[in-house]
């Protein structure tokens, strides 16, 4: 069992639409952001176990091209790592990122 969370800095459209696009590999609604890139880097430095549960992958598996890592972070949180969630949410807020919970179809507030 797991659940997803999606993080981004700014984008055009409703959060549900942005999330749906991201799941289909389309990040055109999202602006590139150093905050997203730094959040991703720090998240993986602090919680290395999330390396297997994060998107986008560094390289597109079909083309081998580098991915745009500065637009969004999609994390699948397995139940075994749920205790890490408060720290991840604090980190996202420190970078001013939107946190979208597709299960509830809402942005998470503090």
Protein backbone atom coordinates (compact mmCIF):
# COMPACT_ATOMS: atom_id res chain seq x y z
CA UNK A 1 0.00 0.00 0.00
CA UNK A 2 1.22 3.50 -0.82
CA UNK A 3 0.05 6.97 -1.75
CA UNK A 4 1.34 9.74 -3.99
CA UNK A 5 2.25 13.36 -3.35
CA UNK A 6 3.24 15.85 -6.00
CA UNK A 7 5.34 18.98 -5.42
CA UNK A 8 5.89 21.99 -7.70
CA UNK A 9 6.68 25.67 -7.50
CA UNK A 10 4.28 27.26 -9.95
CA UNK A 11 2.07 26.14 -12.77
CA UNK A 12 -0.90 26.97 -14.95
CA UNK A 13 -4.22 25.28 -14.34
CA UNK A 14 -5.96 23.50 -11.54
CA UNK A 15 -3.82 21.25 -9.33
CA UNK A 16 -5.75 18.14 -10.40
CA UNK A 17 -5.09 18.96 -14.07
CA UNK A 18 -1.40 19.54 -13.38
CA UNK A 19 -1.15 16.25 -11.51
CA UNK A 20 -2.95 14.35 -14.29
CA UNK A 21 -0.55 15.79 -16.86
CA UNK A 22 2.48 14.94 -14.72
CA UNK A 23 1.32 11.33 -14.42
CA UNK A 24 1.22 11.19 -18.21
CA UNK A 25 4.76 12.58 -18.44
CA UNK A 26 3.64 16.05 -19.51
CA UNK A 27 5.14 18.92 -17.51
CA UNK A 28 4.25 21.78 -19.89
CA UNK A 29 2.01 23.50 -17.31
CA UNK A 30 4.87 23.83 -14.82
CA UNK A 31 7.58 26.46 -14.64
CA UNK A 32 11.18 25.43 -14.10
CA UNK A 33 12.32 26.26 -10.58
CA UNK A 34 15.58 26.03 -8.68
CA UNK A 35 13.46 25.50 -5.55
CA UNK A 36 12.08 22.25 -7.01
CA UNK A 37 15.56 21.10 -7.99
CA UNK A 38 16.97 21.89 -4.54
CA UNK A 39 14.00 20.24 -2.79
CA UNK A 40 14.52 17.08 -4.83
CA UNK A 41 18.23 17.04 -4.07
CA UNK A 42 17.78 17.61 -0.35
CA UNK A 43 14.95 15.08 -0.11
CA UNK A 44 17.14 12.39 -1.66
CA UNK A 45 20.13 13.37 0.49
CA UNK A 46 18.09 13.13 3.70
CA UNK A 47 15.91 10.15 2.78
CA UNK A 48 17.91 8.00 0.40
CA UNK A 49 15.26 5.28 0.60
CA UNK A 50 13.05 7.48 -1.61
CA UNK A 51 15.38 7.02 -4.59
CA UNK A 52 13.16 4.16 -5.74
CA UNK A 53 9.92 6.08 -5.22
CA UNK A 54 10.51 9.41 -6.97
CA UNK A 55 9.74 10.83 -10.40
CA UNK A 56 10.75 12.07 -12.80
CA UNK A 57 13.61 9.69 -13.30
CA UNK A 58 16.86 11.43 -14.14
CA UNK A 59 16.70 10.13 -17.71
CA UNK A 60 13.75 9.32 -19.93
CA UNK A 61 13.69 5.51 -20.15
CA UNK A 62 12.49 5.58 -23.75
CA UNK A 63 14.81 8.22 -25.20
CA UNK A 64 17.70 8.31 -22.73
CA UNK A 65 17.40 12.10 -22.67
CA UNK A 66 17.87 13.95 -19.37
CA UNK A 67 14.57 14.78 -17.69
CA UNK A 68 13.44 18.22 -16.51
CA UNK A 69 14.08 17.68 -12.80
CA UNK A 70 13.32 21.32 -11.98
CA UNK A 71 9.57 21.28 -12.68
CA UNK A 72 8.03 18.79 -10.28
CA UNK A 73 8.67 15.95 -7.86
CA UNK A 74 6.24 13.07 -7.65
CA UNK A 75 6.79 10.81 -4.65
CA UNK A 76 5.11 7.49 -4.05
CA UNK A 77 5.18 7.06 -0.30
CA UNK A 78 5.09 3.41 0.79
CA UNK A 79 3.45 2.70 4.13
CA UNK A 80 6.85 1.66 5.50
CA UNK A 81 8.10 5.26 5.05
CA UNK A 82 5.00 7.14 6.20
CA UNK A 83 6.77 8.34 9.36
CA UNK A 84 9.04 10.45 7.14
CA UNK A 85 6.11 12.42 5.76
CA UNK A 86 6.10 15.31 8.30
CA UNK A 87 9.77 16.03 7.57
CA UNK A 88 9.20 15.93 3.82
CA UNK A 89 6.26 18.32 4.10
CA UNK A 90 8.34 20.73 6.23
CA UNK A 91 11.09 20.60 3.63
CA UNK A 92 8.64 21.30 0.79
CA UNK A 93 7.23 24.27 2.67
CA UNK A 94 10.73 25.60 3.34
CA UNK A 95 11.12 25.81 -0.44
CA UNK A 96 7.64 27.33 -0.90
CA UNK A 97 6.33 24.43 -2.97
CA UNK A 98 2.76 23.43 -3.64
CA UNK A 99 1.99 20.02 -2.14
CA UNK A 100 -0.81 18.19 -3.92
CA UNK A 101 -2.47 15.07 -2.54
CA UNK A 102 -4.26 13.33 -5.43
CA UNK A 103 -6.03 10.92 -3.09
CA UNK A 104 -8.01 13.78 -1.54
CA UNK A 105 -7.69 15.95 -4.68
CA UNK A 106 -6.51 18.85 -2.52
CA UNK A 107 -3.43 20.91 -1.85
CA UNK A 108 -2.07 20.16 1.59
CA UNK A 109 -1.95 23.12 3.93
CA UNK A 110 0.26 23.39 6.94
